[in-house]
Amino acid sequence: MGEHVQKIVEMHGSNKRLDVFLTEVLENGGVEGYSRTSIRRSIEQGLVAVNAVPELDPSRRLRYGDRVDASLALKEASIAPNSQMDIPVLFENEHIIVIDKPAGIQMHPSSTERLSTVVNWALAHFPPIALVGEDALRAGVVHRLDRNTSGVLVLAKTALAFSELKSLFQNRQVQKVYHALVFGHVPSAEGEITFPLTQRVGTLKRMAVRNPGAFHGTMREAFTAYELRERFQDFDLLALFPRTGRTHQIRVHLAALGHPVVGDHLYGGRKAKGSTLASRQLLHASQLSFELFGEQHAYRTQLPADFQNAIASLPPYEAVDAETEDS
């Protein structure tokens, strides 16, 4: 379990940053295993409230008399290796591991999932990875896939590779291709979705900003190109090319376009909740390519069985004859 903190800010804590305050509270209480980075992430995940209101900003300045309630994520020292998980390895050298992540496996331990994550698996098979990265909870992780998104993922095995890969992702020098089955038919055979994204206050949920000029909150640019791969009677299979890597970007962009991912209960609305075609969002990271230390890397995976079975069950597209329709 994680650590629960309830604390009233005293005079000496006034004007301190929230993350600094919580770090000092834990240290003074003799609680080990929580770095300031992990505390900051707990705040950003909505696990901390100030005066009963969720607070997502680690730099929030506290005032005398504020009440801080925190349910911090699992402390770093409790991460356990798990050798029982089956995750296919596509490539490995001294610097990186490339895997084909199955759907249903989250990236790293949390207060609700302690043992069956990509990090738990990596620690069992490559123990030195525990020292790689800025946060032991995310050892080796330089990018992520949502729990119910499958596909190609690269982990760093060395600090040098971690630093270089992080730079490649930040500078958009990694090429990514996803495939998604979506409800309805997209307006054109190819296009780009450019809505900026913002985070809903008090949640991890993102939303697209359709009118940025009239929006006064914090938003981040996001770009997702798409191409139609196959059309079915009530669905489209799309290839997607995200140019940015925002949380939930593809899912939010497709929902904003009016064509949510099949099985996406978070962003798919009534369409997804009323469909029995898939038990998870049919989104798959199909390809990943980049250059690392002068060597070209390119990896491709097939759609997993549940995705292929869903496609195989769909009736083919039949164009409606406009003349017949009007008669």
Protein backbone atom coordinates (compact mmCIF):
# COMPACT_ATOMS: atom_id res chain seq x y z
CA MET A 1 0.00 0.00 0.00
CA GLY A 2 1.03 3.60 -0.42
CA GLU A 3 1.41 6.16 2.35
CA HIS A 4 -1.54 8.23 3.59
CA VAL A 5 -0.84 11.71 4.95
CA GLN A 6 -3.20 14.14 6.68
CA LYS A 7 -1.54 17.33 7.85
CA ILE A 8 -2.52 20.88 8.78
CA VAL A 9 0.04 23.44 7.58
CA GLU A 10 1.67 25.19 10.53
CA MET A 11 3.35 28.59 10.45
CA HIS A 12 6.77 27.23 9.42
CA GLY A 13 5.16 25.45 6.46
CA SER A 14 3.48 28.57 5.11
CA ASN A 15 4.49 29.52 1.53
CA LYS A 16 6.22 26.19 0.92
CA ARG A 17 5.65 24.30 -2.32
CA LEU A 18 3.26 21.37 -1.94
CA ASP A 19 5.82 18.79 -3.09
CA VAL A 20 8.48 20.18 -0.76
CA PHE A 21 6.04 20.22 2.16
CA LEU A 22 5.05 16.56 1.67
CA THR A 23 8.68 15.50 1.25
CA GLU A 24 9.58 17.13 4.55
CA VAL A 25 6.55 15.66 6.33
CA LEU A 26 7.58 12.14 5.29
CA GLU A 27 11.24 12.66 6.13
CA ASN A 28 10.40 14.10 9.55
CA GLY A 29 8.09 11.16 10.18
CA GLY A 30 10.83 8.66 9.38
CA VAL A 31 9.07 7.34 6.24
CA GLU A 32 11.61 6.22 3.64
CA GLY A 33 11.34 5.34 -0.04
CA TYR A 34 9.58 8.46 -1.36
CA SER A 35 11.64 10.83 -3.50
CA ARG A 36 10.46 14.32 -4.32
CA THR A 37 10.00 13.13 -7.91
CA SER A 38 7.65 10.33 -6.87
CA ILE A 39 5.70 12.73 -4.64
CA ARG A 40 5.41 15.17 -7.52
CA ARG A 41 4.01 12.40 -9.71
CA SER A 42 1.46 11.47 -7.05
CA ILE A 43 0.28 15.08 -7.02
CA GLU A 44 0.00 15.15 -10.82
CA GLN A 45 -2.02 11.92 -10.68
CA GLY A 46 -4.67 13.58 -8.51
CA LEU A 47 -3.76 11.76 -5.30
CA VAL A 48 -3.34 14.90 -3.19
CA ALA A 49 -5.99 17.40 -2.02
CA VAL A 50 -5.63 20.79 -0.36
CA ASN A 51 -8.65 21.85 1.71
CA ALA A 52 -10.60 18.90 0.24
CA VAL A 53 -10.00 20.09 -3.36
CA PRO A 54 -7.75 17.94 -5.62
CA GLU A 55 -4.51 19.77 -6.36
CA LEU A 56 -2.52 18.79 -9.48
CA ASP A 57 0.20 21.44 -9.26
CA PRO A 58 3.28 20.35 -7.25
CA SER A 59 4.42 23.99 -7.05
CA ARG A 60 1.22 25.16 -5.29
CA ARG A 61 2.21 27.45 -2.41
CA LEU A 62 0.60 26.49 0.87
CA ARG A 63 -0.83 28.83 3.48
CA TYR A 64 -1.00 28.60 7.25
CA GLY A 65 -4.01 26.48 8.22
CA ASP A 66 -4.32 24.62 4.88
CA ARG A 67 -5.28 20.95 5.24
CA VAL A 68 -3.29 18.56 3.06
CA ASP A 69 -4.64 15.05 2.40
CA ALA A 70 -2.44 12.71 0.36
CA SER A 71 -2.68 9.07 -0.67
CA LEU A 72 0.76 8.69 -2.19
CA ALA A 73 1.58 6.11 -4.83
CA LEU A 74 3.42 2.97 -3.86
CA LYS A 75 6.83 3.84 -2.43
CA GLU A 76 9.82 3.09 -4.59
CA ALA A 77 11.46 0.63 -2.19
CA SER A 78 8.55 -1.82 -2.49
CA ILE A 79 8.83 -2.56 -6.22
CA ALA A 80 9.10 -6.32 -6.66
CA PRO A 81 10.40 -8.24 -9.70
CA ASN A 82 7.85 -10.50 -11.41
CA SER A 83 9.24 -13.34 -13.52
CA GLN A 84 5.82 -14.95 -14.13
CA MET A 85 4.65 -12.42 -16.72
CA ASP A 86 4.77 -13.21 -20.44
CA ILE A 87 5.91 -10.19 -22.47
CA PRO A 88 7.48 -10.88 -25.91
CA VAL A 89 10.91 -9.35 -26.50
CA LEU A 90 11.42 -8.09 -30.06
CA PHE A 91 15.02 -6.91 -29.62
CA GLU A 92 17.68 -6.52 -26.96
CA ASN A 93 21.23 -5.19 -26.84
CA GLU A 94 23.35 -3.64 -24.11
CA HIS A 95 21.39 -0.39 -24.23
CA ILE A 96 17.71 -1.13 -24.93
CA ILE A 97 14.93 -3.69 -24.77
CA VAL A 98 12.09 -3.55 -27.31
CA ILE A 99 8.92 -5.40 -26.34
CA ASP A 100 5.46 -6.13 -27.71
CA LYS A 101 3.33 -5.04 -24.75
CA PRO A 102 0.09 -6.99 -24.39
CA ALA A 103 -3.12 -5.12 -23.62
CA GLY A 104 -4.13 -5.19 -19.97
CA ILE A 105 -0.65 -4.55 -18.55
CA GLN A 106 0.11 -1.11 -17.13
CA MET A 107 3.52 0.48 -17.32
CA HIS A 108 4.60 0.80 -13.68
CA PRO A 109 3.43 0.01 -10.14
CA SER A 110 0.75 2.15 -8.53
CA SER A 111 -1.38 2.09 -5.41
CA THR A 112 -3.85 -0.22 -7.20
CA GLU A 113 -1.42 -2.45 -9.14
CA ARG A 114 1.76 -3.52 -7.39
CA LEU A 115 3.14 -6.61 -9.12
CA SER A 116 1.99 -7.11 -12.71
CA THR A 117 3.44 -4.18 -14.64
CA VAL A 118 6.07 -3.70 -17.33
CA VAL A 119 8.52 -2.41 -14.70
CA ASN A 120 7.98 -5.45 -12.46
CA TRP A 121 8.66 -7.69 -15.47
CA ALA A 122 11.75 -5.72 -16.51
CA LEU A 123 13.24 -5.85 -13.00
CA ALA A 124 12.94 -9.67 -13.03
CA HIS A 125 14.65 -10.14 -16.40
CA PHE A 126 17.09 -7.20 -16.39
CA PRO A 127 17.83 -6.32 -12.71
CA PRO A 128 20.32 -3.48 -13.45
CA ILE A 129 17.45 -1.51 -15.01
CA ALA A 130 16.43 -0.59 -11.45
CA LEU A 131 19.07 2.15 -11.53
CA VAL A 132 18.03 3.61 -14.90
CA GLY A 133 15.88 6.73 -15.08
CA GLU A 134 14.79 9.63 -12.93
CA ASP A 135 12.33 7.66 -10.79
CA ALA A 136 12.76 4.08 -9.52
CA LEU A 137 9.00 3.56 -9.91
CA ARG A 138 9.49 3.99 -13.66
CA ALA A 139 12.81 2.22 -14.07
CA GLY A 140 13.86 2.23 -17.73
CA VAL A 141 10.63 3.85 -18.94
CA VAL A 142 11.13 6.62 -21.52
CA HIS A 143 7.66 6.53 -23.10
CA ARG A 144 4.43 4.76 -22.30
CA LEU A 145 1.40 2.97 -23.65
CA ASP A 146 -1.94 3.03 -21.86
CA ARG A 147 -2.81 -0.10 -19.91
CA ASN A 148 -5.26 -1.34 -22.54
CA THR A 149 -3.20 -0.28 -25.55
CA SER A 150 -0.96 -2.98 -27.01
CA GLY A 151 2.16 -2.81 -29.12
CA VAL A 152 5.79 -1.80 -29.57
CA LEU A 153 7.57 -0.22 -26.61
CA VAL A 154 11.25 0.53 -25.97
CA LEU A 155 12.88 0.50 -22.52
CA ALA A 156 16.32 1.88 -21.68
CA LYS A 157 18.81 -0.46 -19.99
CA THR A 158 21.52 2.15 -19.38
CA ALA A 159 21.58 5.74 -18.19
CA LEU A 160 23.18 6.79 -21.46
CA ALA A 161 20.40 5.18 -23.50
CA PHE A 162 17.75 6.67 -21.22
CA SER A 163 19.11 10.18 -21.72
CA GLU A 164 19.43 9.76 -25.49
CA LEU A 165 15.99 8.18 -25.97
CA LYS A 166 14.34 10.82 -23.80
CA SER A 167 15.89 13.49 -26.02
CA LEU A 168 14.72 11.70 -29.19
CA PHE A 169 11.14 11.55 -27.95
CA GLN A 170 11.16 15.16 -26.76
CA ASN A 171 12.55 16.36 -30.09
CA ARG A 172 10.04 14.27 -32.09
CA GLN A 173 12.74 12.15 -33.70
CA VAL A 174 10.93 8.88 -33.04
CA GLN A 175 8.48 7.72 -35.71
CA LYS A 176 5.37 5.99 -34.37
CA VAL A 177 2.53 4.28 -36.21
CA TYR A 178 -0.65 3.08 -34.49
CA HIS A 179 -3.73 1.29 -35.77
CA ALA A 180 -7.21 1.85 -34.39
CA LEU A 181 -10.69 0.62 -35.17
CA VAL A 182 -13.10 3.54 -34.82
CA PHE A 183 -16.85 4.05 -34.91
CA GLY A 184 -18.30 5.50 -38.10
CA HIS A 185 -16.51 6.82 -41.17
CA VAL A 186 -13.86 9.54 -41.11
CA PRO A 187 -14.56 12.55 -43.37
CA SER A 188 -11.62 11.95 -45.73
CA ALA A 189 -9.13 9.22 -46.62
CA GLU A 190 -6.41 11.13 -44.80
CA GLY A 191 -6.18 14.13 -42.53
CA GLU A 192 -4.69 15.68 -39.40
CA ILE A 193 -6.28 16.43 -36.04
CA THR A 194 -4.73 19.48 -34.39
CA PHE A 195 -6.90 20.23 -31.34
CA PRO A 196 -4.75 21.25 -28.34
CA LEU A 197 -5.29 19.15 -25.21
CA THR A 198 -6.02 20.15 -21.63
CA GLN A 199 -6.49 18.16 -18.43
CA ARG A 200 -9.81 18.04 -16.62
CA VAL A 201 -9.33 19.46 -13.13
CA GLY A 202 -9.12 16.79 -10.44
CA THR A 203 -8.86 13.87 -12.89
CA LEU A 204 -6.42 12.21 -15.25
CA LYS A 205 -8.86 12.66 -18.12
CA ARG A 206 -7.87 14.89 -21.04
CA MET A 207 -10.10 16.84 -23.39
CA ALA A 208 -9.64 18.49 -26.76
CA VAL A 209 -9.88 22.28 -26.99
CA ARG A 210 -12.00 22.91 -30.08
CA ASN A 211 -11.75 26.71 -29.88
CA PRO A 212 -8.28 27.58 -28.52
CA GLY A 213 -8.81 31.31 -29.02
CA ALA A 214 -11.64 31.34 -26.48
CA PHE A 215 -9.99 28.99 -23.97
CA HIS A 216 -8.28 30.57 -20.96
CA GLY A 217 -6.80 27.51 -19.25
CA THR A 218 -3.55 25.63 -19.79
CA MET A 219 -3.39 23.63 -23.00
CA ARG A 220 -0.69 21.79 -24.94
CA GLU A 221 -0.35 21.47 -28.69
CA ALA A 222 -1.07 18.04 -30.15
CA PHE A 223 -0.96 16.70 -33.70
CA THR A 224 -2.24 13.36 -34.98
CA ALA A 225 -2.28 12.48 -38.69
CA TYR A 226 -4.43 9.61 -39.91
CA GLU A 227 -4.96 7.50 -43.03
CA LEU A 228 -7.91 5.26 -43.81
CA ARG A 229 -6.73 1.65 -44.17
CA GLU A 230 -10.02 -0.25 -44.53
CA ARG A 231 -13.69 0.65 -44.37
CA PHE A 232 -16.42 -1.57 -42.95
CA GLN A 233 -20.16 -1.07 -42.76
CA ASP A 234 -20.15 0.93 -39.54
CA PHE A 235 -16.43 1.23 -38.73
CA ASP A 236 -13.09 2.40 -40.12
CA LEU A 237 -9.65 0.92 -39.59
CA LEU A 238 -7.14 3.78 -39.39
CA ALA A 239 -3.37 4.13 -39.36
CA LEU A 240 -2.34 6.97 -37.05
CA PHE A 241 0.85 9.00 -36.97
CA PRO A 242 1.15 11.08 -33.78
CA ARG A 243 3.67 13.93 -34.10
CA THR A 244 3.38 14.75 -30.40
CA GLY A 245 3.12 12.34 -27.47
CA ARG A 246 0.51 13.73 -25.10
CA THR A 247 -1.29 11.52 -22.60
CA HIS A 248 -4.31 9.81 -24.25
CA GLN A 249 -3.68 11.94 -27.36
CA ILE A 250 -4.91 9.57 -30.05
CA ARG A 251 -7.98 8.52 -28.08
CA VAL A 252 -8.98 12.11 -27.27
CA HIS A 253 -8.35 13.34 -30.82
CA LEU A 254 -10.43 10.60 -32.42
CA ALA A 255 -13.26 11.15 -29.97
CA ALA A 256 -13.16 14.90 -30.72
CA LEU A 257 -13.36 14.10 -34.43
CA GLY A 258 -16.56 12.18 -33.70
CA HIS A 259 -15.03 8.75 -34.30
CA PRO A 260 -13.92 7.30 -30.94
CA VAL A 261 -11.88 4.14 -30.66
CA VAL A 262 -13.96 0.99 -30.34
CA GLY A 263 -13.88 -0.25 -26.75
CA ASP A 264 -12.71 3.06 -25.27
CA HIS A 265 -15.03 3.47 -22.29
CA LEU A 266 -13.25 6.61 -21.06
CA TYR A 267 -13.63 8.72 -24.21
CA GLY A 268 -16.01 6.72 -26.39
CA GLY A 269 -19.25 7.82 -24.73
CA ARG A 270 -22.45 5.92 -25.42
CA LYS A 271 -21.07 4.35 -28.58
CA ALA A 272 -18.31 2.52 -26.74
CA LYS A 273 -20.36 1.66 -23.66
CA GLY A 274 -23.16 0.20 -25.78
CA SER A 275 -20.88 -1.90 -27.99
CA THR A 276 -19.92 -5.52 -27.31
CA LEU A 277 -17.36 -5.69 -30.13
CA ALA A 278 -14.36 -5.28 -27.82
CA SER A 279 -13.63 -5.39 -24.09
CA ARG A 280 -10.76 -2.88 -24.39
CA GLN A 281 -9.86 -0.01 -26.68
CA LEU A 282 -8.76 -1.39 -30.06
CA LEU A 283 -5.63 0.73 -30.31
CA HIS A 284 -2.29 -0.87 -31.17
CA ALA A 285 1.21 0.61 -31.47
CA SER A 286 2.22 -1.13 -34.69
CA GLN A 287 5.58 0.45 -35.54
CA LEU A 288 8.41 2.29 -33.83
CA SER A 289 11.58 3.56 -35.50
CA PHE A 290 14.49 5.73 -34.42
CA GLU A 291 18.25 6.17 -34.69
CA LEU A 292 20.27 5.47 -31.55
CA PHE A 293 24.06 5.75 -31.29
CA GLY A 294 24.39 5.75 -35.08
CA GLU A 295 22.28 2.61 -35.55
CA GLN A 296 18.86 2.53 -37.19
CA HIS A 297 16.12 0.72 -35.30
CA ALA A 298 12.73 -0.19 -36.77
CA TYR A 299 10.21 -2.57 -35.23
CA ARG A 300 6.80 -3.75 -36.37
CA THR A 301 4.18 -5.96 -34.73
CA GLN A 302 0.99 -7.58 -35.95
CA LEU A 303 -2.42 -6.69 -34.58
CA PRO A 304 -3.16 -8.91 -31.55
CA ALA A 305 -5.72 -11.69 -31.76
CA ASP A 306 -8.61 -9.80 -30.12
CA PHE A 307 -8.13 -6.90 -32.56
CA GLN A 308 -8.00 -9.23 -35.58
CA ASN A 309 -11.05 -11.18 -34.40
CA ALA A 310 -13.06 -7.98 -34.04
CA ILE A 311 -12.17 -6.94 -37.60
CA ALA A 312 -12.99 -10.40 -38.96
CA SER A 313 -16.48 -10.17 -37.47
CA LEU A 314 -17.38 -6.93 -39.27
CA PRO A 315 -19.61 -6.85 -42.37
CA PRO A 316 -17.96 -5.25 -45.42
CA TYR A 317 -18.72 -1.70 -46.45
CA GLU A 318 -21.51 -1.23 -48.94
CA ALA A 319 -21.81 2.23 -50.44
CA VAL A 320 -25.33 3.67 -50.39
CA ASP A 321 -26.63 4.51 -53.83
CA ALA A 322 -27.81 8.11 -53.55
CA GLU A 323 -30.31 7.69 -56.39
CA THR A 324 -31.85 4.63 -54.73
CA GLU A 325 -31.86 6.42 -51.38
CA ASP A 326 -33.85 9.35 -52.82
CA SER A 327 -36.39 7.23 -54.60
